Structures are given as structure tokens and as C-alpha cells.
PDB file of all heavy atoms in Angstrom:
ATOM      1  N   ASP A   1      12.774   7.426   2.096  1.00  0.00           N
ATOM      2  CA  ASP A   1      12.168   8.749   2.347  1.00  0.00           C
ATOM      3  C   ASP A   1      11.554   9.376   1.116  1.00  0.00           C
ATOM      4  O   ASP A   1      10.926  10.448   1.263  1.00  0.00           O
ATOM      5  CB  ASP A   1      13.205   9.718   2.965  1.00  0.00           C
ATOM      6  CG  ASP A   1      13.685   9.208   4.308  1.00  0.00           C
ATOM      7  OD1 ASP A   1      12.997   8.428   4.964  1.00  0.00           O
ATOM      8  OD2 ASP A   1      14.835   9.626   4.718  1.00  0.00           O
ATOM      9  N   ASN A   2      11.726   8.773  -0.043  1.00  0.00           N
ATOM     10  CA  ASN A   2      11.179   9.359  -1.288  1.00  0.00           C
ATOM     11  C   ASN A   2      10.285   8.348  -1.967  1.00  0.00           C
ATOM     12  O   ASN A   2      10.204   8.329  -3.154  1.00  0.00           O
ATOM     13  CB  ASN A   2      12.343   9.805  -2.182  1.00  0.00           C
ATOM     14  CG  ASN A   2      11.820  10.570  -3.376  1.00  0.00           C
ATOM     15  OD1 ASN A   2      10.995  11.475  -3.261  1.00  0.00           O
ATOM     16  ND2 ASN A   2      12.317  10.248  -4.591  1.00  0.00           N
ATOM     17  N   SER A   3       9.619   7.526  -1.189  1.00  0.00           N
ATOM     18  CA  SER A   3       8.823   6.425  -1.787  1.00  0.00           C
ATOM     19  C   SER A   3       7.479   6.219  -1.160  1.00  0.00           C
ATOM     20  O   SER A   3       7.249   6.463   0.021  1.00  0.00           O
ATOM     21  CB  SER A   3       9.614   5.135  -1.800  1.00  0.00           C
ATOM     22  OG  SER A   3       9.761   4.671  -0.459  1.00  0.00           O
ATOM     23  N   ILE A   4       6.611   5.658  -1.989  1.00  0.00           N
ATOM     24  CA  ILE A   4       5.292   5.227  -1.615  1.00  0.00           C
ATOM     25  C   ILE A   4       5.214   3.755  -2.106  1.00  0.00           C
ATOM     26  O   ILE A   4       5.344   3.527  -3.292  1.00  0.00           O
ATOM     27  CB  ILE A   4       4.168   6.070  -2.221  1.00  0.00           C
ATOM     28  CG1 ILE A   4       4.281   7.495  -1.740  1.00  0.00           C
ATOM     29  CG2 ILE A   4       2.780   5.499  -1.945  1.00  0.00           C
ATOM     30  CD1 ILE A   4       3.552   8.498  -2.633  1.00  0.00           C
ATOM     31  N   THR A   5       4.976   2.791  -1.203  1.00  0.00           N
ATOM     32  CA  THR A   5       4.949   1.423  -1.655  1.00  0.00           C
ATOM     33  C   THR A   5       3.583   0.828  -1.509  1.00  0.00           C
ATOM     34  O   THR A   5       2.921   0.926  -0.408  1.00  0.00           O
ATOM     35  CB  THR A   5       5.927   0.566  -0.774  1.00  0.00           C
ATOM     36  OG1 THR A   5       7.285   1.125  -0.935  1.00  0.00           O
ATOM     37  CG2 THR A   5       5.989  -0.886  -1.266  1.00  0.00           C
ATOM     38  N   CYS A   6       3.121   0.170  -2.567  1.00  0.00           N
ATOM     39  CA  CYS A   6       1.811  -0.485  -2.565  1.00  0.00           C
ATOM     40  C   CYS A   6       1.998  -1.964  -2.253  1.00  0.00           C
ATOM     41  O   CYS A   6       2.722  -2.690  -3.009  1.00  0.00           O
ATOM     42  CB  CYS A   6       1.103  -0.305  -3.893  1.00  0.00           C
ATOM     43  SG  CYS A   6       0.842   1.402  -4.364  1.00  0.00           S
ATOM     44  N   LEU A   7       1.316  -2.482  -1.245  1.00  0.00           N
ATOM     45  CA  LEU A   7       1.431  -3.864  -0.780  1.00  0.00           C
ATOM     46  C   LEU A   7       0.006  -4.443  -0.708  1.00  0.00           C
ATOM     47  O   LEU A   7      -0.961  -3.757  -0.506  1.00  0.00           O
ATOM     48  CB  LEU A   7       2.055  -3.898   0.606  1.00  0.00           C
ATOM     49  CG  LEU A   7       3.298  -3.099   0.915  1.00  0.00           C
ATOM     50  CD1 LEU A   7       3.625  -3.081   2.377  1.00  0.00           C
ATOM     51  CD2 LEU A   7       4.457  -3.688   0.121  1.00  0.00           C
ATOM     52  N   ALA A   8      -0.084  -5.755  -0.926  1.00  0.00           N
ATOM     53  CA  ALA A   8      -1.406  -6.406  -0.838  1.00  0.00           C
ATOM     54  C   ALA A   8      -1.240  -7.929  -0.793  1.00  0.00           C
ATOM     55  O   ALA A   8      -0.256  -8.469  -1.341  1.00  0.00           O
ATOM     56  CB  ALA A   8      -2.261  -5.998  -2.013  1.00  0.00           C
ATOM     57  N   PRO A   9      -2.158  -8.621  -0.145  1.00  0.00           N
ATOM     58  CA  PRO A   9      -2.221 -10.049  -0.176  1.00  0.00           C
ATOM     59  C   PRO A   9      -2.990 -10.596  -1.409  1.00  0.00           C
ATOM     60  O   PRO A   9      -3.136 -11.811  -1.587  1.00  0.00           O
ATOM     61  CB  PRO A   9      -2.967 -10.416   1.073  1.00  0.00           C
ATOM     62  CG  PRO A   9      -3.925  -9.295   1.273  1.00  0.00           C
ATOM     63  CD  PRO A   9      -3.275  -8.045   0.720  1.00  0.00           C
ATOM     64  N   THR A  10      -3.528  -9.689  -2.242  1.00  0.00           N
ATOM     65  CA  THR A  10      -4.518 -10.139  -3.190  1.00  0.00           C
ATOM     66  C   THR A  10      -3.952 -11.001  -4.351  1.00  0.00           C
ATOM     67  O   THR A  10      -4.647 -11.912  -4.789  1.00  0.00           O
ATOM     68  CB  THR A  10      -5.233  -8.873  -3.797  1.00  0.00           C
ATOM     69  OG1 THR A  10      -4.254  -7.863  -4.164  1.00  0.00           O
ATOM     70  CG2 THR A  10      -6.116  -8.242  -2.770  1.00  0.00           C
ATOM     71  N   LYS A  11      -2.800 -10.661  -4.891  1.00  0.00           N
ATOM     72  CA  LYS A  11      -2.214 -11.478  -5.942  1.00  0.00           C
ATOM     73  C   LYS A  11      -1.764 -12.815  -5.395  1.00  0.00           C
ATOM     74  O   LYS A  11      -2.041 -13.886  -5.934  1.00  0.00           O
ATOM     75  CB  LYS A  11      -1.079 -10.756  -6.630  1.00  0.00           C
ATOM     76  CG  LYS A  11      -1.524  -9.737  -7.640  1.00  0.00           C
ATOM     77  CD  LYS A  11      -2.177 -10.369  -8.848  1.00  0.00           C
ATOM     78  CE  LYS A  11      -2.639  -9.317  -9.864  1.00  0.00           C
ATOM     79  NZ  LYS A  11      -3.906  -8.688  -9.448  1.00  0.00           N
ATOM     80  N   ALA A  12      -0.979 -12.790  -4.257  1.00  0.00           N
ATOM     81  CA  ALA A  12      -0.388 -14.038  -3.757  1.00  0.00           C
ATOM     82  C   ALA A  12      -1.418 -15.025  -3.254  1.00  0.00           C
ATOM     83  O   ALA A  12      -1.233 -16.255  -3.322  1.00  0.00           O
ATOM     84  CB  ALA A  12       0.600 -13.684  -2.688  1.00  0.00           C
ATOM     85  N   PHE A  13      -2.572 -14.524  -2.737  1.00  0.00           N
ATOM     86  CA  PHE A  13      -3.551 -15.367  -2.161  1.00  0.00           C
ATOM     87  C   PHE A  13      -4.874 -15.390  -2.923  1.00  0.00           C
ATOM     88  O   PHE A  13      -5.888 -15.925  -2.427  1.00  0.00           O
ATOM     89  CB  PHE A  13      -3.785 -14.938  -0.674  1.00  0.00           C
ATOM     90  CG  PHE A  13      -2.615 -15.202   0.234  1.00  0.00           C
ATOM     91  CD1 PHE A  13      -1.687 -14.164   0.457  1.00  0.00           C
ATOM     92  CD2 PHE A  13      -2.342 -16.432   0.768  1.00  0.00           C
ATOM     93  CE1 PHE A  13      -0.593 -14.323   1.277  1.00  0.00           C
ATOM     94  CE2 PHE A  13      -1.263 -16.656   1.624  1.00  0.00           C
ATOM     95  CZ  PHE A  13      -0.374 -15.618   1.814  1.00  0.00           C
ATOM     96  N   ASN A  14      -4.862 -14.869  -4.093  1.00  0.00           N
ATOM     97  CA  ASN A  14      -6.009 -14.869  -5.006  1.00  0.00           C
ATOM     98  C   ASN A  14      -7.241 -14.196  -4.353  1.00  0.00           C
ATOM     99  O   ASN A  14      -8.346 -14.815  -4.276  1.00  0.00           O
ATOM    100  CB  ASN A  14      -6.367 -16.269  -5.451  1.00  0.00           C
ATOM    101  CG  ASN A  14      -7.077 -16.274  -6.811  1.00  0.00           C
ATOM    102  OD1 ASN A  14      -6.899 -15.354  -7.605  1.00  0.00           O
ATOM    103  ND2 ASN A  14      -7.864 -17.313  -7.051  1.00  0.00           N
ATOM    104  N   LEU A  15      -7.088 -13.016  -3.942  1.00  0.00           N
ATOM    105  CA  LEU A  15      -8.139 -12.289  -3.183  1.00  0.00           C
ATOM    106  C   LEU A  15      -8.530 -10.959  -3.860  1.00  0.00           C
ATOM    107  O   LEU A  15      -9.010 -10.019  -3.186  1.00  0.00           O
ATOM    108  CB  LEU A  15      -7.653 -11.956  -1.740  1.00  0.00           C
ATOM    109  CG  LEU A  15      -7.335 -13.171  -0.856  1.00  0.00           C
ATOM    110  CD1 LEU A  15      -6.689 -12.685   0.462  1.00  0.00           C
ATOM    111  CD2 LEU A  15      -8.612 -13.941  -0.496  1.00  0.00           C
ATOM    112  N   ALA A  16      -8.279 -10.848  -5.148  1.00  0.00           N
ATOM    113  CA  ALA A  16      -8.506  -9.585  -5.848  1.00  0.00           C
ATOM    114  C   ALA A  16      -9.916  -8.969  -5.562  1.00  0.00           C
ATOM    115  O   ALA A  16     -10.066  -7.768  -5.419  1.00  0.00           O
ATOM    116  CB  ALA A  16      -8.274  -9.668  -7.324  1.00  0.00           C
ATOM    117  N   GLY A  17     -10.925  -9.857  -5.580  1.00  0.00           N
ATOM    118  CA  GLY A  17     -12.280  -9.362  -5.387  1.00  0.00           C
ATOM    119  C   GLY A  17     -12.617  -8.915  -3.995  1.00  0.00           C
ATOM    120  O   GLY A  17     -13.664  -8.272  -3.761  1.00  0.00           O
ATOM    121  N   ILE A  18     -11.699  -9.132  -3.021  1.00  0.00           N
ATOM    122  CA  ILE A  18     -11.911  -8.727  -1.631  1.00  0.00           C
ATOM    123  C   ILE A  18     -11.578  -7.234  -1.491  1.00  0.00           C
ATOM    124  O   ILE A  18     -12.029  -6.576  -0.603  1.00  0.00           O
ATOM    125  CB  ILE A  18     -11.091  -9.597  -0.641  1.00  0.00           C
ATOM    126  CG1 ILE A  18     -11.523 -11.042  -0.724  1.00  0.00           C
ATOM    127  CG2 ILE A  18     -11.236  -9.061   0.774  1.00  0.00           C
ATOM    128  CD1 ILE A  18     -12.922 -11.302  -0.144  1.00  0.00           C
ATOM    129  N   GLN A  19     -10.731  -6.719  -2.357  1.00  0.00           N
ATOM    130  CA  GLN A  19     -10.354  -5.304  -2.389  1.00  0.00           C
ATOM    131  C   GLN A  19      -9.684  -4.914  -1.049  1.00  0.00           C
ATOM    132  O   GLN A  19     -10.262  -4.146  -0.257  1.00  0.00           O
ATOM    133  CB  GLN A  19     -11.539  -4.409  -2.707  1.00  0.00           C
ATOM    134  CG  GLN A  19     -12.111  -4.684  -4.089  1.00  0.00           C
ATOM    135  CD  GLN A  19     -13.323  -3.899  -4.434  1.00  0.00           C
ATOM    136  OE1 GLN A  19     -14.216  -3.631  -3.632  1.00  0.00           O
ATOM    137  NE2 GLN A  19     -13.356  -3.433  -5.653  1.00  0.00           N
ATOM    138  N   THR A  20      -8.468  -5.412  -0.831  1.00  0.00           N
ATOM    139  CA  THR A  20      -7.704  -5.126   0.365  1.00  0.00           C
ATOM    140  C   THR A  20      -6.283  -4.916   0.070  1.00  0.00           C
ATOM    141  O   THR A  20      -5.667  -5.701  -0.647  1.00  0.00           O
ATOM    142  CB  THR A  20      -7.904  -6.233   1.401  1.00  0.00           C
ATOM    143  OG1 THR A  20      -7.229  -5.945   2.598  1.00  0.00           O
ATOM    144  CG2 THR A  20      -7.446  -7.601   0.873  1.00  0.00           C
ATOM    145  N   SER A  21      -5.717  -3.796   0.541  1.00  0.00           N
ATOM    146  CA  SER A  21      -4.301  -3.533   0.346  1.00  0.00           C
ATOM    147  C   SER A  21      -3.791  -2.592   1.353  1.00  0.00           C
ATOM    148  O   SER A  21      -4.558  -2.066   2.179  1.00  0.00           O
ATOM    149  CB  SER A  21      -4.066  -2.987  -1.097  1.00  0.00           C
ATOM    150  OG  SER A  21      -4.455  -1.567  -1.148  1.00  0.00           O
ATOM    151  N   ALA A  22      -2.472  -2.317   1.328  1.00  0.00           N
ATOM    152  CA  ALA A  22      -1.848  -1.368   2.246  1.00  0.00           C
ATOM    153  C   ALA A  22      -0.922  -0.468   1.470  1.00  0.00           C
ATOM    154  O   ALA A  22      -0.390  -0.883   0.425  1.00  0.00           O
ATOM    155  CB  ALA A  22      -1.074  -2.126   3.339  1.00  0.00           C
ATOM    156  N   VAL A  23      -0.720   0.713   1.997  1.00  0.00           N
ATOM    157  CA  VAL A  23       0.262   1.669   1.434  1.00  0.00           C
ATOM    158  C   VAL A  23       1.277   1.927   2.523  1.00  0.00           C
ATOM    159  O   VAL A  23       0.916   2.228   3.647  1.00  0.00           O
ATOM    160  CB  VAL A  23      -0.400   2.983   0.996  1.00  0.00           C
ATOM    161  CG1 VAL A  23       0.574   3.818   0.163  1.00  0.00           C
ATOM    162  CG2 VAL A  23      -1.673   2.728   0.224  1.00  0.00           C
ATOM    163  N   CYS A  24       2.544   1.775   2.223  1.00  0.00           N
ATOM    164  CA  CYS A  24       3.598   1.977   3.121  1.00  0.00           C
ATOM    165  C   CYS A  24       4.354   3.291   2.726  1.00  0.00           C
ATOM    166  O   CYS A  24       4.931   3.362   1.638  1.00  0.00           O
ATOM    167  CB  CYS A  24       4.592   0.828   3.086  1.00  0.00           C
ATOM    168  SG  CYS A  24       6.059   1.072   4.173  1.00  0.00           S
ATOM    169  N   VAL A  25       4.278   4.268   3.627  1.00  0.00           N
ATOM    170  CA  VAL A  25       4.838   5.617   3.328  1.00  0.00           C
ATOM    171  C   VAL A  25       5.667   6.060   4.537  1.00  0.00           C
ATOM    172  O   VAL A  25       5.084   6.622   5.483  1.00  0.00           O
ATOM    173  CB  VAL A  25       3.764   6.653   3.010  1.00  0.00           C
ATOM    174  CG1 VAL A  25       4.413   7.848   2.378  1.00  0.00           C
ATOM    175  CG2 VAL A  25       2.641   6.065   2.114  1.00  0.00           C
ATOM    176  N   PRO A  26       7.010   5.808   4.553  1.00  0.00           N
ATOM    177  CA  PRO A  26       7.793   6.157   5.750  1.00  0.00           C
ATOM    178  C   PRO A  26       7.876   7.676   6.006  1.00  0.00           C
ATOM    179  O   PRO A  26       7.871   8.070   7.166  1.00  0.00           O
ATOM    180  CB  PRO A  26       9.167   5.598   5.369  1.00  0.00           C
ATOM    181  CG  PRO A  26       8.847   4.465   4.425  1.00  0.00           C
ATOM    182  CD  PRO A  26       7.682   4.924   3.615  1.00  0.00           C
ATOM    183  N   ASP A  27       7.920   8.520   4.971  1.00  0.00           N
ATOM    184  CA  ASP A  27       8.090   9.951   5.168  1.00  0.00           C
ATOM    185  C   ASP A  27       6.726  10.527   5.632  1.00  0.00           C
ATOM    186  O   ASP A  27       5.717  10.388   4.934  1.00  0.00           O
ATOM    187  CB  ASP A  27       8.558  10.610   3.881  1.00  0.00           C
ATOM    188  CG  ASP A  27       8.755  12.125   4.065  1.00  0.00           C
ATOM    189  OD1 ASP A  27       9.734  12.535   4.623  1.00  0.00           O
ATOM    190  OD2 ASP A  27       7.827  12.869   3.604  1.00  0.00           O
ATOM    191  N   SER A  28       6.772  11.300   6.708  1.00  0.00           N
ATOM    192  CA  SER A  28       5.530  11.809   7.324  1.00  0.00           C
ATOM    193  C   SER A  28       4.818  12.826   6.388  1.00  0.00           C
ATOM    194  O   SER A  28       3.581  12.844   6.335  1.00  0.00           O
ATOM    195  CB  SER A  28       5.809  12.428   8.668  1.00  0.00           C
ATOM    196  OG  SER A  28       6.753  13.517   8.545  1.00  0.00           O
ATOM    197  N   PHE A  29       5.593  13.656   5.670  1.00  0.00           N
ATOM    198  CA  PHE A  29       4.984  14.621   4.768  1.00  0.00           C
ATOM    199  C   PHE A  29       4.275  13.899   3.647  1.00  0.00           C
ATOM    200  O   PHE A  29       3.099  14.207   3.340  1.00  0.00           O
ATOM    201  CB  PHE A  29       6.051  15.605   4.228  1.00  0.00           C
ATOM    202  CG  PHE A  29       5.485  16.579   3.257  1.00  0.00           C
ATOM    203  CD1 PHE A  29       4.767  17.690   3.660  1.00  0.00           C
ATOM    204  CD2 PHE A  29       5.708  16.370   1.871  1.00  0.00           C
ATOM    205  CE1 PHE A  29       4.266  18.613   2.729  1.00  0.00           C
ATOM    206  CE2 PHE A  29       5.187  17.285   0.960  1.00  0.00           C
ATOM    207  CZ  PHE A  29       4.478  18.360   1.387  1.00  0.00           C
ATOM    208  N   LEU A  30       4.946  12.976   2.995  1.00  0.00           N
ATOM    209  CA  LEU A  30       4.336  12.226   1.890  1.00  0.00           C
ATOM    210  C   LEU A  30       3.126  11.403   2.427  1.00  0.00           C
ATOM    211  O   LEU A  30       2.090  11.332   1.781  1.00  0.00           O
ATOM    212  CB  LEU A  30       5.317  11.251   1.268  1.00  0.00           C
ATOM    213  CG  LEU A  30       6.293  11.779   0.243  1.00  0.00           C
ATOM    214  CD1 LEU A  30       7.189  10.700  -0.230  1.00  0.00           C
ATOM    215  CD2 LEU A  30       5.599  12.462  -0.920  1.00  0.00           C
ATOM    216  N   ARG A  31       3.299  10.863   3.624  1.00  0.00           N
ATOM    217  CA  ARG A  31       2.206  10.049   4.185  1.00  0.00           C
ATOM    218  C   ARG A  31       0.957  10.862   4.395  1.00  0.00           C
ATOM    219  O   ARG A  31      -0.163  10.405   4.145  1.00  0.00           O
ATOM    220  CB  ARG A  31       2.675   9.399   5.496  1.00  0.00           C
ATOM    221  CG  ARG A  31       1.670   8.386   6.058  1.00  0.00           C
ATOM    222  CD  ARG A  31       2.328   7.519   7.148  1.00  0.00           C
ATOM    223  NE  ARG A  31       2.785   8.259   8.276  1.00  0.00           N
ATOM    224  CZ  ARG A  31       4.037   8.454   8.594  1.00  0.00           C
ATOM    225  NH1 ARG A  31       5.020   7.964   7.788  1.00  0.00           N
ATOM    226  NH2 ARG A  31       4.415   9.144   9.650  1.00  0.00           N
ATOM    227  N   HIS A  32       1.110  12.071   4.861  1.00  0.00           N
ATOM    228  CA  HIS A  32      -0.064  12.976   5.066  1.00  0.00           C
ATOM    229  C   HIS A  32      -0.768  13.164   3.722  1.00  0.00           C
ATOM    230  O   HIS A  32      -1.992  13.121   3.632  1.00  0.00           O
ATOM    231  CB  HIS A  32       0.346  14.285   5.702  1.00  0.00           C
ATOM    232  CG  HIS A  32      -0.747  15.322   5.712  1.00  0.00           C
ATOM    233  ND1 HIS A  32      -1.711  15.234   6.709  1.00  0.00           N
ATOM    234  CD2 HIS A  32      -1.032  16.370   4.942  1.00  0.00           C
ATOM    235  CE1 HIS A  32      -2.560  16.235   6.510  1.00  0.00           C
ATOM    236  NE2 HIS A  32      -2.200  16.911   5.457  1.00  0.00           N
ATOM    237  N   LYS A  33       0.027  13.448   2.661  1.00  0.00           N
ATOM    238  CA  LYS A  33      -0.569  13.673   1.342  1.00  0.00           C
ATOM    239  C   LYS A  33      -1.313  12.446   0.865  1.00  0.00           C
ATOM    240  O   LYS A  33      -2.430  12.569   0.325  1.00  0.00           O
ATOM    241  CB  LYS A  33       0.531  14.066   0.364  1.00  0.00           C
ATOM    242  CG  LYS A  33       1.209  15.418   0.620  1.00  0.00           C
ATOM    243  CD  LYS A  33       0.269  16.531   0.144  1.00  0.00           C
ATOM    244  CE  LYS A  33       0.992  17.890   0.165  1.00  0.00           C
ATOM    245  NZ  LYS A  33       0.090  18.950  -0.281  1.00  0.00           N
ATOM    246  N   VAL A  34      -0.673  11.306   1.011  1.00  0.00           N
ATOM    247  CA  VAL A  34      -1.307  10.078   0.517  1.00  0.00           C
ATOM    248  C   VAL A  34      -2.547   9.792   1.299  1.00  0.00           C
ATOM    249  O   VAL A  34      -3.617   9.428   0.736  1.00  0.00           O
ATOM    250  CB  VAL A  34      -0.281   8.876   0.641  1.00  0.00           C
ATOM    251  CG1 VAL A  34      -0.999   7.587   0.340  1.00  0.00           C
ATOM    252  CG2 VAL A  34       0.887   9.062  -0.304  1.00  0.00           C
TER     253      VAL A  34
END
């Protein structure tokens, strides 16, 4: 409830130039801000 997590396939699959990632924010208040 106090975290923002940055996830992506870019390092593991060598896709940095594709510019694709996800942000996981379980708390609704933080998620709105992000």
C-alpha cells in the first residue's frame, strides 16, 4: 500500500528501443497521482 513498482519486458527481452513498460500501484490514491 506504500509502493509504486516499475515493471518492463525491455531488459529481459532486449526491447529498450521499443519503449514499453508498466507501473503497478495497488493503492488507489497513489495510483491516481501516478
